[in-house]
Amino acid sequence: MAKLAVKGGPKACRVKWPAWPIWGPPERRALLGVLESGKWWHGKNVLAFERAFAAFQGARHGVTCNSGTAGLEAALGGLGVGPGDEVIVPAFTFIATASAVVRCGAKVVFADVRADNLCLDPDDVERKLGPRTRAIIPVHFCGNIADMDRLNAITRRKRLLIIEDACHAWGSRWRSKGAGALGTCGAFSFQISKNMTAGEGGIVLADDAKVAEKVFAFTHCGRRAGAAWYMHYTPATNSRMTEWQAAILLQQLKRLGAQTRRRQANARILDRGLGRLPGILPQVTDPRVTRRAYHMYCFRLDLDVLGIDRASFLSALSAEGVPCMPAYGITIDENPLFTGRDGGAGIPARGASCPEAQRAAKNTCWINHQNLLAPAAAMHRIVYAAEKVVANLHELRRPGSRSRQSR
């Protein structure tokens, strides 16, 4: 094969990648409609989006808010999780999964992820349960749904809450039931990087009307739907969605089905191609996942097989024209929020022995979701570029270093 591009050779992958966000005349008309109506506050667009997104996910109720983080806080706070409680979260995810627990006054308990799918490991959840455990927050990592059969069995047996962090999982389904409607409730994000976006925004889905009412109260200053305006019943905040955001999201939702199908088809090409290469381990999708969102196309590196570090591999693959990057570089418990390092808060937590999460922080990589909207031919070029890098790893290794395969 040709010399690596990072060493001066030709690029293997010359593709014009899709831009993000994707928008057009429908979004423009929707925004102008809100502008000209003069009704910019929580109104008909918000209510329409709550109904539409809940129906898309197969949930009975939806409560919008201004971010996915706010959705997690509303779910925890609305359901009464607070001081004296413990909440189990995966150690490998975005900080908001854990910071939402801190914000409601409960204690974070870190559990490990599975090596194959990077979702919360039910076996480690069982080990980390304690007398104060009140809730579990599984993260559907990169749109891949955690083992909800096992996790729901645990929560039923222990009478716990299960709050899905579905902020990567718009459209994902488990046994044909949508993410966010698989546990007590589930939160989604519509931040600018997400698969459907209004710049910011969030929603909490639930099948139980009483759960939805409690989440609504938390996002609406403690009010109850239908009660007098200046009657407030619970400690809460204002994290409402605006008509602007809802108007855009109603149009983004219309695009989501076709985009999800394209991402799935392209991810299958990458799974087959990259999965044949030594040292590259695509994220495994559970067969019970009947539709999958891909917020990122995710793969791990066996660095012993490759004989180089992650940064060197990604630098070489990026030079070939593949838009790739490292995933989270540390586990959540290593953040100053919990360690106290560099002036961080040093919030006490437990359960920080999570070896798979620590390995994932060193060897996990991803490709952004918008790149999965490119033509199928572009996916084959990604595979070719990875083949080229793997075939020429000797150009990247330090003198005297060897891969595990060469020993």
Protein backbone atom coordinates (compact mmCIF):
# COMPACT_ATOMS: atom_id res chain seq x y z
CA MET A 1 0.00 0.00 0.00
CA ALA A 2 0.99 3.65 -0.40
CA LYS A 3 3.01 5.50 2.18
CA LEU A 4 0.97 6.97 5.03
CA ALA A 5 -0.34 10.49 4.45
CA VAL A 6 0.97 11.56 7.85
CA LYS A 7 4.43 10.70 6.49
CA GLY A 8 3.91 12.56 3.23
CA GLY A 9 1.97 10.01 1.17
CA PRO A 10 -1.35 10.58 -0.67
CA LYS A 11 -4.64 10.68 1.21
CA ALA A 12 -6.75 7.52 1.08
CA CYS A 13 -10.06 9.27 1.77
CA ARG A 14 -10.95 12.36 -0.25
CA VAL A 15 -14.55 13.04 0.77
CA LYS A 16 -16.58 16.21 1.24
CA TRP A 17 -18.16 15.45 4.60
CA PRO A 18 -21.68 16.69 5.51
CA ALA A 19 -21.95 19.89 7.53
CA TRP A 20 -23.95 20.12 10.74
CA PRO A 21 -26.58 21.23 11.61
CA ILE A 22 -28.78 20.44 8.62
CA TRP A 23 -31.60 22.89 8.05
CA GLY A 24 -33.63 24.38 5.25
CA PRO A 25 -36.84 26.23 4.31
CA PRO A 26 -38.99 24.31 6.87
CA GLU A 27 -36.87 25.58 9.79
CA ARG A 28 -36.83 29.10 8.33
CA ARG A 29 -40.63 29.17 7.96
CA ALA A 30 -41.10 27.76 11.46
CA LEU A 31 -38.92 30.45 13.03
CA LEU A 32 -40.61 33.24 11.09
CA GLY A 33 -43.95 31.87 12.19
CA VAL A 34 -42.94 32.19 15.84
CA LEU A 35 -41.47 35.65 15.27
CA GLU A 36 -44.55 37.01 13.55
CA SER A 37 -46.97 35.42 16.01
CA GLY A 38 -45.55 37.42 18.90
CA LYS A 39 -46.03 34.32 21.06
CA TRP A 40 -42.46 33.33 21.88
CA TRP A 41 -43.01 31.73 25.28
CA HIS A 42 -43.92 28.14 26.19
CA GLY A 43 -46.98 27.55 23.95
CA LYS A 44 -48.43 25.59 21.06
CA ASN A 45 -45.10 24.60 19.46
CA VAL A 46 -43.75 23.30 22.77
CA LEU A 47 -46.90 21.28 23.42
CA ALA A 48 -46.91 19.93 19.84
CA PHE A 49 -43.27 18.89 20.10
CA GLU A 50 -43.80 17.18 23.45
CA ARG A 51 -46.59 15.09 21.93
CA ALA A 52 -44.72 14.37 18.69
CA PHE A 53 -41.41 13.33 20.23
CA ALA A 54 -43.08 11.20 22.90
CA ALA A 55 -45.06 9.42 20.17
CA PHE A 56 -41.89 8.92 18.09
CA GLN A 57 -40.25 7.17 21.06
CA GLY A 58 -43.39 5.28 22.07
CA ALA A 59 -43.86 7.11 25.37
CA ARG A 60 -47.14 8.46 26.75
CA HIS A 61 -45.83 11.78 28.10
CA GLY A 62 -43.11 14.32 27.32
CA VAL A 63 -41.95 17.32 29.35
CA THR A 64 -39.58 19.73 27.59
CA CYS A 65 -36.78 21.68 29.22
CA ASN A 66 -33.81 23.78 28.15
CA SER A 67 -31.10 21.07 28.04
CA GLY A 68 -30.46 17.39 28.54
CA THR A 69 -28.63 18.24 31.76
CA ALA A 70 -31.72 20.07 33.00
CA GLY A 71 -33.77 17.01 32.04
CA LEU A 72 -31.66 14.74 34.25
CA GLU A 73 -31.88 17.23 37.11
CA ALA A 74 -35.65 17.55 36.66
CA ALA A 75 -36.08 13.78 36.66
CA LEU A 76 -34.03 13.35 39.83
CA GLY A 77 -35.36 16.41 41.63
CA GLY A 78 -38.94 15.88 40.55
CA LEU A 79 -38.90 12.30 41.80
CA GLY A 80 -37.53 13.36 45.18
CA VAL A 81 -33.96 12.08 44.94
CA GLY A 82 -31.86 14.11 47.35
CA PRO A 83 -29.60 14.16 50.43
CA GLY A 84 -29.05 10.73 51.95
CA ASP A 85 -29.70 8.94 48.64
CA GLU A 86 -27.15 7.28 46.36
CA VAL A 87 -27.41 7.08 42.58
CA ILE A 88 -25.41 4.64 40.44
CA VAL A 89 -23.97 6.06 37.20
CA PRO A 90 -21.43 4.73 34.67
CA ALA A 91 -17.87 5.97 35.12
CA PHE A 92 -17.39 6.50 31.37
CA THR A 93 -19.78 9.15 30.05
CA PHE A 94 -20.28 12.93 29.96
CA ILE A 95 -20.02 14.75 33.28
CA ALA A 96 -23.72 15.77 33.35
CA THR A 97 -24.81 12.21 34.19
CA ALA A 98 -23.00 12.55 37.52
CA SER A 99 -23.22 16.31 38.09
CA ALA A 100 -27.03 16.11 37.95
CA VAL A 101 -26.85 13.74 40.93
CA VAL A 102 -24.57 16.14 42.81
CA ARG A 103 -26.89 19.06 42.05
CA CYS A 104 -29.86 17.31 43.65
CA GLY A 105 -27.83 16.65 46.79
CA ALA A 106 -27.45 12.88 46.41
CA LYS A 107 -24.21 10.88 46.39
CA VAL A 108 -22.71 9.51 43.18
CA VAL A 109 -21.77 5.84 43.00
CA PHE A 110 -19.63 4.91 39.99
CA ALA A 111 -20.14 1.57 38.24
CA ASP A 112 -18.13 0.11 35.39
CA VAL A 113 -19.07 -0.24 31.73
CA ARG A 114 -18.94 -3.37 29.61
CA ALA A 115 -15.94 -3.75 27.34
CA ASP A 116 -18.00 -4.70 24.28
CA ASN A 117 -20.70 -2.02 24.23
CA LEU A 118 -19.41 0.66 26.67
CA CYS A 119 -22.80 0.76 28.42
CA LEU A 120 -23.42 0.33 32.14
CA ASP A 121 -22.44 -3.15 33.34
CA PRO A 122 -25.36 -4.75 35.28
CA ASP A 123 -22.95 -7.09 37.08
CA ASP A 124 -21.03 -4.15 38.52
CA VAL A 125 -24.30 -2.37 39.33
CA GLU A 126 -25.21 -5.39 41.48
CA ARG A 127 -21.84 -5.12 43.26
CA LYS A 128 -22.26 -1.38 43.88
CA LEU A 129 -25.79 -1.51 45.32
CA GLY A 130 -26.08 -0.32 48.91
CA PRO A 131 -28.73 0.40 51.53
CA ARG A 132 -28.96 4.03 50.38
CA THR A 133 -29.23 3.30 46.64
CA ARG A 134 -32.28 5.13 45.28
CA ALA A 135 -31.78 5.21 41.52
CA ILE A 136 -29.71 3.96 38.59
CA ILE A 137 -28.88 6.10 35.55
CA PRO A 138 -27.86 3.95 32.57
CA VAL A 139 -26.37 5.86 29.63
CA HIS A 140 -27.29 4.67 26.14
CA PHE A 141 -23.74 5.31 24.97
CA CYS A 142 -23.48 6.57 21.37
CA GLY A 143 -27.10 5.48 20.89
CA ASN A 144 -26.41 1.90 21.99
CA ILE A 145 -28.99 0.89 24.60
CA ALA A 146 -27.79 -0.52 27.91
CA ASP A 147 -29.10 -3.93 29.03
CA MET A 148 -32.50 -2.70 30.15
CA ASP A 149 -33.81 -6.22 30.82
CA ARG A 150 -31.19 -6.79 33.52
CA LEU A 151 -31.31 -3.25 34.88
CA ASN A 152 -35.10 -3.20 35.10
CA ALA A 153 -35.00 -6.55 36.90
CA ILE A 154 -32.60 -5.06 39.47
CA THR A 155 -34.74 -1.97 39.99
CA ARG A 156 -37.94 -3.99 40.36
CA ARG A 157 -36.32 -6.31 42.89
CA LYS A 158 -34.83 -3.43 44.90
CA ARG A 159 -37.69 -0.95 44.28
CA LEU A 160 -35.40 1.63 42.72
CA LEU A 161 -35.88 4.34 40.12
CA ILE A 162 -34.27 3.94 36.72
CA ILE A 163 -33.65 7.20 34.87
CA GLU A 164 -32.31 6.70 31.36
CA ASP A 165 -29.67 9.10 30.11
CA ALA A 166 -30.85 8.93 26.52
CA CYS A 167 -28.98 12.06 25.41
CA HIS A 168 -27.35 9.98 22.61
CA ALA A 169 -30.41 7.89 21.76
CA TRP A 170 -33.03 9.76 19.71
CA GLY A 171 -34.82 7.00 17.80
CA SER A 172 -33.09 4.05 19.49
CA ARG A 173 -35.37 1.16 20.42
CA TRP A 174 -35.05 -1.86 22.70
CA ARG A 175 -37.32 -4.75 21.72
CA SER A 176 -39.19 -2.17 19.57
CA LYS A 177 -39.81 0.13 22.56
CA GLY A 178 -38.18 3.54 22.40
CA ALA A 179 -35.34 4.73 24.61
CA GLY A 180 -36.59 7.04 27.34
CA ALA A 181 -39.71 4.92 27.82
CA LEU A 182 -37.90 1.82 29.11
CA GLY A 183 -37.54 2.75 32.77
CA THR A 184 -39.12 5.24 35.17
CA CYS A 185 -38.33 8.08 32.76
CA GLY A 186 -35.59 9.19 30.37
CA ALA A 187 -33.87 12.45 29.40
CA PHE A 188 -32.77 13.60 25.92
CA SER A 189 -30.61 16.49 24.73
CA PHE A 190 -30.97 18.73 21.67
CA GLN A 191 -27.65 20.59 22.07
CA ILE A 192 -25.90 21.73 18.88
CA SER A 193 -23.80 18.57 18.44
CA LYS A 194 -26.77 16.22 18.77
CA ASN A 195 -28.54 14.20 16.04
CA MET A 196 -31.48 16.59 16.19
CA THR A 197 -30.84 20.06 17.51
CA ALA A 198 -32.16 23.51 18.30
CA GLY A 199 -28.80 24.70 19.61
CA GLU A 200 -29.93 23.72 23.11
CA GLY A 201 -32.97 21.98 24.55
CA GLY A 202 -34.09 18.80 26.24
CA ILE A 203 -37.05 16.59 27.05
CA VAL A 204 -37.98 14.00 29.67
CA LEU A 205 -40.22 11.11 28.59
CA ALA A 206 -42.32 8.91 30.86
CA ASP A 207 -45.21 6.48 30.59
CA ASP A 208 -46.49 7.25 34.08
CA ALA A 209 -48.59 10.43 34.24
CA LYS A 210 -47.63 11.07 37.87
CA VAL A 211 -43.93 10.95 37.01
CA ALA A 212 -44.50 13.42 34.16
CA GLU A 213 -46.42 15.73 36.50
CA LYS A 214 -43.53 15.77 38.98
CA VAL A 215 -40.99 16.51 36.24
CA PHE A 216 -43.27 19.26 34.88
CA ALA A 217 -43.47 20.86 38.33
CA PHE A 218 -39.68 20.82 38.68
CA THR A 219 -39.19 22.62 35.36
CA HIS A 220 -42.05 25.10 35.99
CA CYS A 221 -41.14 26.69 39.33
CA GLY A 222 -43.01 24.05 41.31
CA ARG A 223 -46.35 24.69 39.64
CA ARG A 224 -49.00 22.07 38.92
CA ALA A 225 -50.66 21.91 35.53
CA GLY A 226 -54.07 23.59 35.73
CA ALA A 227 -53.46 25.16 39.15
CA ALA A 228 -53.55 28.89 39.84
CA TRP A 229 -50.51 30.65 38.35
CA TYR A 230 -48.99 31.89 41.61
CA MET A 231 -49.47 28.61 43.46
CA HIS A 232 -46.16 26.72 43.87
CA TYR A 233 -46.06 23.30 45.49
CA THR A 234 -42.48 21.99 45.46
CA PRO A 235 -38.92 23.41 45.45
CA ALA A 236 -38.03 23.70 41.78
CA THR A 237 -36.53 25.83 39.06
CA ASN A 238 -37.43 27.35 35.69
CA SER A 239 -35.91 25.30 32.87
CA ARG A 240 -38.64 25.68 30.26
CA MET A 241 -38.16 25.33 26.51
CA THR A 242 -39.04 28.31 24.29
CA GLU A 243 -41.29 28.36 21.23
CA TRP A 244 -38.21 29.05 19.06
CA GLN A 245 -36.55 25.81 20.06
CA ALA A 246 -39.72 23.76 19.74
CA ALA A 247 -40.48 25.16 16.30
CA ILE A 248 -37.07 24.07 15.00
CA LEU A 249 -37.26 20.68 16.72
CA LEU A 250 -40.63 19.89 15.12
CA GLN A 251 -38.90 20.21 11.74
CA GLN A 252 -35.76 18.38 12.86
CA LEU A 253 -37.94 15.48 14.02
CA LYS A 254 -39.32 15.11 10.50
CA ARG A 255 -35.76 14.51 9.25
CA LEU A 256 -34.75 12.12 12.04
CA GLY A 257 -36.24 8.85 10.76
CA ALA A 258 -34.51 8.93 7.38
CA GLN A 259 -31.27 10.17 8.91
CA THR A 260 -31.30 7.35 11.47
CA ARG A 261 -31.76 4.75 8.75
CA ARG A 262 -28.84 6.21 6.76
CA ARG A 263 -26.59 6.23 9.83
CA GLN A 264 -27.48 2.63 10.66
CA ALA A 265 -26.75 1.42 7.12
CA ASN A 266 -23.42 3.22 7.02
CA ALA A 267 -22.47 2.00 10.49
CA ARG A 268 -22.98 -1.59 9.31
CA ILE A 269 -20.46 -0.99 6.51
CA LEU A 270 -17.93 0.30 9.05
CA ASP A 271 -18.63 -2.58 11.45
CA ARG A 272 -17.92 -5.15 8.75
CA GLY A 273 -14.87 -3.41 7.35
CA LEU A 274 -13.17 -2.16 10.50
CA GLY A 275 -14.08 -5.30 12.42
CA ARG A 276 -11.82 -7.34 10.11
CA LEU A 277 -8.74 -5.32 11.02
CA PRO A 278 -6.40 -6.40 13.81
CA GLY A 279 -6.43 -3.99 16.72
CA ILE A 280 -9.77 -2.29 15.88
CA LEU A 281 -12.84 -3.27 17.92
CA PRO A 282 -16.15 -1.69 16.83
CA GLN A 283 -18.73 -1.10 19.57
CA VAL A 284 -21.04 -4.11 19.75
CA THR A 285 -24.78 -3.51 19.38
CA ASP A 286 -27.01 -5.82 21.42
CA PRO A 287 -29.39 -7.81 19.14
CA ARG A 288 -32.27 -6.62 21.35
CA VAL A 289 -31.64 -3.10 20.01
CA THR A 290 -34.17 -3.04 17.17
CA ARG A 291 -33.32 0.46 15.97
CA ARG A 292 -30.20 2.38 16.83
CA ALA A 293 -29.21 6.00 16.77
CA TYR A 294 -25.53 6.65 16.18
CA HIS A 295 -24.56 9.86 17.92
CA MET A 296 -21.02 8.75 17.28
CA TYR A 297 -19.63 5.77 15.44
CA CYS A 298 -17.53 4.30 18.23
CA PHE A 299 -14.61 1.86 18.21
CA ARG A 300 -11.87 0.82 20.59
CA LEU A 301 -8.22 0.17 19.84
CA ASP A 302 -6.22 -2.77 21.11
CA LEU A 303 -3.06 -0.75 21.63
CA ASP A 304 -0.95 -3.83 22.37
CA VAL A 305 -1.86 -5.30 18.97
CA LEU A 306 -1.26 -2.01 17.17
CA GLY A 307 1.96 -1.25 18.98
CA ILE A 308 1.26 2.51 19.05
CA ASP A 309 -0.78 4.85 21.24
CA ARG A 310 -4.22 6.23 20.44
CA ALA A 311 -3.00 9.71 19.54
CA SER A 312 -0.58 8.32 16.94
CA PHE A 313 -3.24 6.08 15.39
CA LEU A 314 -5.82 8.88 15.18
CA SER A 315 -3.29 11.34 13.82
CA ALA A 316 -2.46 8.91 11.01
CA LEU A 317 -6.12 8.11 10.28
CA SER A 318 -7.06 11.80 10.32
CA ALA A 319 -4.23 12.59 7.89
CA GLU A 320 -5.78 10.04 5.51
CA GLY A 321 -8.94 12.20 5.47
CA VAL A 322 -11.04 10.42 8.08
CA PRO A 323 -12.75 12.79 10.59
CA CYS A 324 -11.96 10.92 13.82
CA MET A 325 -11.17 11.87 17.39
CA PRO A 326 -10.55 10.41 20.86
CA ALA A 327 -13.54 9.86 23.13
CA TYR A 328 -13.58 11.11 26.72
CA GLY A 329 -9.97 11.17 27.87
CA ILE A 330 -10.71 10.49 31.54
CA THR A 331 -13.37 8.71 33.57
CA ILE A 332 -15.85 10.94 35.42
CA ASP A 333 -14.39 10.14 38.83
CA GLU A 334 -11.04 11.55 37.64
CA ASN A 335 -12.57 15.02 37.12
CA PRO A 336 -11.63 17.78 39.59
CA LEU A 337 -15.32 17.86 40.57
CA PHE A 338 -14.64 14.61 42.44
CA THR A 339 -10.87 14.56 42.99
CA GLY A 340 -10.52 18.14 44.24
CA ARG A 341 -7.50 18.57 41.93
CA ASP A 342 -6.70 22.06 40.58
CA GLY A 343 -9.18 23.72 42.89
CA GLY A 344 -12.09 21.43 42.00
CA ALA A 345 -14.94 20.87 44.44
CA GLY A 346 -13.76 17.40 45.53
CA ILE A 347 -17.29 16.01 45.97
CA PRO A 348 -17.22 12.65 47.83
CA ALA A 349 -18.31 9.63 45.78
CA ARG A 350 -17.86 5.89 45.97
CA GLY A 351 -17.36 2.91 43.68
CA ALA A 352 -14.45 4.32 41.69
CA SER A 353 -12.89 0.92 40.88
CA CYS A 354 -13.96 0.71 37.24
CA PRO A 355 -11.16 -0.90 35.17
CA GLU A 356 -13.08 -1.15 31.88
CA ALA A 357 -14.04 2.51 32.06
CA GLN A 358 -10.41 3.41 32.71
CA ARG A 359 -9.30 1.35 29.69
CA ALA A 360 -12.02 2.93 27.57
CA ALA A 361 -10.73 6.40 28.46
CA LYS A 362 -7.39 5.45 26.92
CA ASN A 363 -8.45 3.54 23.81
CA THR A 364 -11.92 4.63 22.64
CA CYS A 365 -12.34 6.63 19.43
CA TRP A 366 -15.27 7.97 17.47
CA ILE A 367 -16.48 9.51 14.24
CA ASN A 368 -19.19 12.19 14.44
CA HIS A 369 -22.77 11.30 13.50
CA GLN A 370 -23.02 13.76 10.60
CA ASN A 371 -20.27 11.87 8.77
CA LEU A 372 -22.53 8.81 8.77
CA LEU A 373 -24.89 10.79 6.52
CA ALA A 374 -22.34 10.71 3.68
CA PRO A 375 -22.84 8.25 0.77
CA ALA A 376 -22.01 4.59 1.38
CA ALA A 377 -18.94 4.96 -0.83
CA ALA A 378 -17.45 7.29 1.80
CA MET A 379 -17.70 4.54 4.42
CA HIS A 380 -15.70 2.22 2.16
CA ARG A 381 -13.05 4.94 1.89
CA ILE A 382 -12.89 5.12 5.70
CA VAL A 383 -12.32 1.37 5.79
CA TYR A 384 -9.64 1.63 3.11
CA ALA A 385 -7.91 4.42 5.05
CA ALA A 386 -7.91 2.32 8.22
CA GLU A 387 -6.57 -0.67 6.29
CA LYS A 388 -3.77 1.53 4.99
CA VAL A 389 -2.85 2.74 8.47
CA VAL A 390 -2.90 -0.78 9.94
CA ALA A 391 -0.79 -2.13 7.05
CA ASN A 392 1.83 0.58 7.63
CA LEU A 393 2.00 0.72 11.40
CA HIS A 394 5.74 0.16 11.22
CA GLU A 395 6.03 3.77 9.99
CA LEU A 396 4.47 4.99 13.24
CA ARG A 397 6.21 2.80 15.79
CA ARG A 398 9.22 4.03 17.68
CA PRO A 399 12.46 2.23 16.86
CA GLY A 400 12.71 -0.96 18.87
CA SER A 401 8.98 -1.13 19.71
CA ARG A 402 6.91 -4.14 18.68
CA SER A 403 3.24 -5.06 18.58
CA ARG A 404 1.90 -8.01 20.51
CA GLN A 405 1.37 -9.83 17.19
CA SER A 406 5.03 -9.49 16.26
CA ARG A 407 6.37 -10.97 19.50
